[in-house]
Amino acid sequence: MNAPRVLDLRGLQPPEPMERALEALDLVDGGATLELILEREPHPLYRILARNGYTAAARWEPDGCRVTIRKSGA
């Protein structure tokens, strides 16, 4: 498995964090993982990911909400 690609999206104004996250999904193939660092949990993004065959798991850490995204079945 490849090391996760990490995107720090804190400090960006909406809708830029969502746009950048969606653009980065192209990197999540062949078992790769995308990790987002955000200031809040991205609930609207979860619906988009699920509809397009991705799974997401969020966890809160001192630096913010970290969301790990993988292609389903990968």
N, C-alpha and C. Protein backbone atom coordinates (compact mmCIF):
# COMPACT_ATOMS: atom_id res chain seq x y z
N MET A 1 0.84 -1.18 0.00
CA MET A 1 0.00 0.00 0.00
C MET A 1 0.89 1.24 0.00
N ASN A 2 0.47 2.25 -0.74
CA ASN A 2 1.22 3.50 -0.83
C ASN A 2 0.99 4.37 0.41
N ALA A 3 1.94 5.24 0.69
CA ALA A 3 1.76 6.20 1.78
C ALA A 3 0.62 7.14 1.41
N PRO A 4 -0.18 7.58 2.39
CA PRO A 4 -1.30 8.45 2.06
C PRO A 4 -0.83 9.81 1.54
N ARG A 5 -1.59 10.34 0.63
CA ARG A 5 -1.39 11.72 0.16
C ARG A 5 -2.15 12.60 1.13
N VAL A 6 -1.50 13.59 1.72
CA VAL A 6 -2.12 14.44 2.74
C VAL A 6 -2.36 15.83 2.16
N LEU A 7 -3.60 16.31 2.32
CA LEU A 7 -3.95 17.67 1.91
C LEU A 7 -4.39 18.45 3.14
N ASP A 8 -3.70 19.53 3.43
CA ASP A 8 -4.08 20.41 4.53
C ASP A 8 -4.99 21.49 3.95
N LEU A 9 -6.27 21.40 4.27
CA LEU A 9 -7.26 22.31 3.71
C LEU A 9 -7.76 23.32 4.74
N ARG A 10 -7.08 23.41 5.87
CA ARG A 10 -7.47 24.38 6.89
C ARG A 10 -7.20 25.79 6.39
N GLY A 11 -8.04 26.71 6.81
CA GLY A 11 -7.84 28.12 6.49
C GLY A 11 -8.38 28.54 5.13
N LEU A 12 -8.91 27.60 4.35
CA LEU A 12 -9.47 27.94 3.05
C LEU A 12 -10.96 28.29 3.19
N GLN A 13 -11.42 29.20 2.36
CA GLN A 13 -12.82 29.59 2.38
C GLN A 13 -13.65 28.64 1.52
N PRO A 14 -14.87 28.31 1.97
CA PRO A 14 -15.74 27.47 1.14
C PRO A 14 -16.01 28.16 -0.19
N PRO A 15 -16.11 27.41 -1.25
CA PRO A 15 -16.13 25.95 -1.36
C PRO A 15 -14.77 25.35 -1.68
N GLU A 16 -13.69 26.11 -1.50
CA GLU A 16 -12.37 25.63 -1.92
C GLU A 16 -11.94 24.31 -1.28
N PRO A 17 -12.17 24.07 0.03
CA PRO A 17 -11.76 22.76 0.57
C PRO A 17 -12.45 21.59 -0.13
N MET A 18 -13.75 21.72 -0.39
CA MET A 18 -14.49 20.66 -1.08
C MET A 18 -13.96 20.49 -2.50
N GLU A 19 -13.75 21.58 -3.21
CA GLU A 19 -13.25 21.51 -4.59
C GLU A 19 -11.90 20.83 -4.65
N ARG A 20 -11.00 21.20 -3.76
CA ARG A 20 -9.66 20.58 -3.77
C ARG A 20 -9.72 19.11 -3.40
N ALA A 21 -10.58 18.77 -2.45
CA ALA A 21 -10.73 17.37 -2.06
C ALA A 21 -11.24 16.55 -3.24
N LEU A 22 -12.24 17.06 -3.95
CA LEU A 22 -12.79 16.32 -5.10
C LEU A 22 -11.78 16.20 -6.22
N GLU A 23 -10.99 17.22 -6.46
CA GLU A 23 -9.95 17.16 -7.49
C GLU A 23 -8.90 16.10 -7.14
N ALA A 24 -8.62 15.95 -5.86
CA ALA A 24 -7.58 15.02 -5.41
C ALA A 24 -8.04 13.57 -5.46
N LEU A 25 -9.32 13.32 -5.66
CA LEU A 25 -9.80 11.94 -5.69
C LEU A 25 -9.17 11.13 -6.81
N ASP A 26 -8.72 11.80 -7.85
CA ASP A 26 -8.04 11.08 -8.93
C ASP A 26 -6.80 10.36 -8.42
N LEU A 27 -6.25 10.82 -7.31
CA LEU A 27 -5.05 10.21 -6.74
C LEU A 27 -5.37 8.92 -5.97
N VAL A 28 -6.65 8.71 -5.66
CA VAL A 28 -7.05 7.58 -4.82
C VAL A 28 -7.48 6.42 -5.72
N ASP A 29 -6.50 5.77 -6.31
CA ASP A 29 -6.78 4.57 -7.10
C ASP A 29 -5.67 3.57 -6.84
N GLY A 30 -5.92 2.35 -7.15
CA GLY A 30 -4.90 1.32 -6.94
C GLY A 30 -4.51 1.14 -5.49
N GLY A 31 -5.45 1.38 -4.56
CA GLY A 31 -5.17 1.19 -3.15
C GLY A 31 -4.58 2.39 -2.44
N ALA A 32 -4.41 3.51 -3.15
CA ALA A 32 -3.88 4.71 -2.51
C ALA A 32 -4.91 5.29 -1.54
N THR A 33 -4.41 6.11 -0.61
CA THR A 33 -5.25 6.74 0.39
C THR A 33 -5.04 8.25 0.35
N LEU A 34 -6.13 8.98 0.51
CA LEU A 34 -6.08 10.43 0.59
C LEU A 34 -6.47 10.82 2.00
N GLU A 35 -5.69 11.68 2.62
CA GLU A 35 -6.01 12.15 3.96
C GLU A 35 -6.17 13.66 3.92
N LEU A 36 -7.30 14.14 4.42
CA LEU A 36 -7.59 15.57 4.47
C LEU A 36 -7.46 16.05 5.89
N ILE A 37 -6.92 17.25 6.07
CA ILE A 37 -6.91 17.90 7.37
C ILE A 37 -7.81 19.12 7.24
N LEU A 38 -8.85 19.15 8.06
CA LEU A 38 -9.88 20.18 7.96
C LEU A 38 -10.17 20.79 9.33
N GLU A 39 -10.84 21.92 9.31
CA GLU A 39 -11.23 22.57 10.55
C GLU A 39 -12.54 22.02 11.10
N ARG A 40 -13.32 21.37 10.23
CA ARG A 40 -14.59 20.78 10.66
C ARG A 40 -14.84 19.53 9.84
N GLU A 41 -15.75 18.72 10.33
CA GLU A 41 -16.06 17.49 9.62
C GLU A 41 -16.87 17.80 8.37
N PRO A 42 -16.49 17.24 7.21
CA PRO A 42 -17.11 17.60 5.93
C PRO A 42 -18.33 16.73 5.57
N HIS A 43 -19.41 16.89 6.29
CA HIS A 43 -20.58 16.03 6.08
C HIS A 43 -21.09 16.02 4.63
N PRO A 44 -21.17 17.16 3.92
CA PRO A 44 -21.62 17.10 2.52
C PRO A 44 -20.69 16.26 1.63
N LEU A 45 -19.41 16.26 1.94
CA LEU A 45 -18.45 15.48 1.16
C LEU A 45 -18.71 13.99 1.30
N TYR A 46 -19.14 13.54 2.47
CA TYR A 46 -19.38 12.11 2.69
C TYR A 46 -20.41 11.55 1.71
N ARG A 47 -21.47 12.30 1.45
CA ARG A 47 -22.51 11.84 0.52
C ARG A 47 -21.95 11.70 -0.89
N ILE A 48 -21.15 12.66 -1.31
CA ILE A 48 -20.54 12.62 -2.64
C ILE A 48 -19.60 11.42 -2.76
N LEU A 49 -18.80 11.21 -1.73
CA LEU A 49 -17.87 10.08 -1.75
C LEU A 49 -18.61 8.75 -1.84
N ALA A 50 -19.63 8.59 -1.02
CA ALA A 50 -20.40 7.33 -1.02
C ALA A 50 -21.03 7.07 -2.38
N ARG A 51 -21.59 8.09 -3.01
CA ARG A 51 -22.22 7.93 -4.32
C ARG A 51 -21.21 7.53 -5.39
N ASN A 52 -19.94 7.87 -5.18
CA ASN A 52 -18.93 7.63 -6.20
C ASN A 52 -17.97 6.49 -5.85
N GLY A 53 -18.35 5.69 -4.86
CA GLY A 53 -17.58 4.48 -4.57
C GLY A 53 -16.37 4.65 -3.67
N TYR A 54 -16.42 5.63 -2.78
CA TYR A 54 -15.31 5.85 -1.84
C TYR A 54 -15.82 5.64 -0.42
N THR A 55 -14.90 5.29 0.47
CA THR A 55 -15.21 5.24 1.90
C THR A 55 -14.41 6.34 2.59
N ALA A 56 -14.94 6.83 3.70
CA ALA A 56 -14.27 7.88 4.45
C ALA A 56 -14.41 7.62 5.93
N ALA A 57 -13.35 7.91 6.67
CA ALA A 57 -13.37 7.78 8.12
C ALA A 57 -12.74 9.03 8.70
N ALA A 58 -13.43 9.64 9.66
CA ALA A 58 -12.94 10.87 10.28
C ALA A 58 -12.46 10.60 11.70
N ARG A 59 -11.47 11.35 12.10
CA ARG A 59 -11.01 11.30 13.49
C ARG A 59 -10.52 12.70 13.86
N TRP A 60 -10.81 13.09 15.08
CA TRP A 60 -10.38 14.40 15.56
C TRP A 60 -9.02 14.27 16.24
N GLU A 61 -8.11 15.13 15.85
CA GLU A 61 -6.77 15.19 16.44
C GLU A 61 -6.52 16.64 16.83
N PRO A 62 -5.45 16.91 17.57
CA PRO A 62 -5.20 18.29 18.00
C PRO A 62 -5.10 19.30 16.84
N ASP A 63 -4.68 18.84 15.66
CA ASP A 63 -4.52 19.78 14.53
C ASP A 63 -5.79 19.93 13.70
N GLY A 64 -6.85 19.20 14.01
CA GLY A 64 -8.10 19.33 13.28
C GLY A 64 -8.74 17.98 13.00
N CYS A 65 -9.71 17.99 12.13
CA CYS A 65 -10.41 16.77 11.73
C CYS A 65 -9.62 16.15 10.58
N ARG A 66 -9.21 14.91 10.74
CA ARG A 66 -8.51 14.19 9.68
C ARG A 66 -9.47 13.18 9.08
N VAL A 67 -9.63 13.27 7.77
CA VAL A 67 -10.54 12.38 7.05
C VAL A 67 -9.71 11.53 6.11
N THR A 68 -9.80 10.22 6.27
CA THR A 68 -9.08 9.28 5.43
C THR A 68 -10.04 8.73 4.39
N ILE A 69 -9.66 8.84 3.12
CA ILE A 69 -10.52 8.44 2.01
C ILE A 69 -9.84 7.33 1.21
N ARG A 70 -10.62 6.29 0.90
CA ARG A 70 -10.14 5.19 0.08
C ARG A 70 -11.21 4.83 -0.95
N LYS A 71 -10.81 4.24 -2.03
CA LYS A 71 -11.76 3.70 -2.99
C LYS A 71 -12.37 2.45 -2.38
N SER A 72 -13.67 2.29 -2.43
CA SER A 72 -14.33 1.10 -1.87
C SER A 72 -13.79 -0.14 -2.55
N GLY A 73 -13.53 -1.16 -1.76
CA GLY A 73 -13.02 -2.42 -2.29
C GLY A 73 -11.53 -2.41 -2.56
N ALA A 74 -10.85 -1.31 -2.30
CA ALA A 74 -9.40 -1.23 -2.55
C ALA A 74 -8.63 -1.71 -1.35
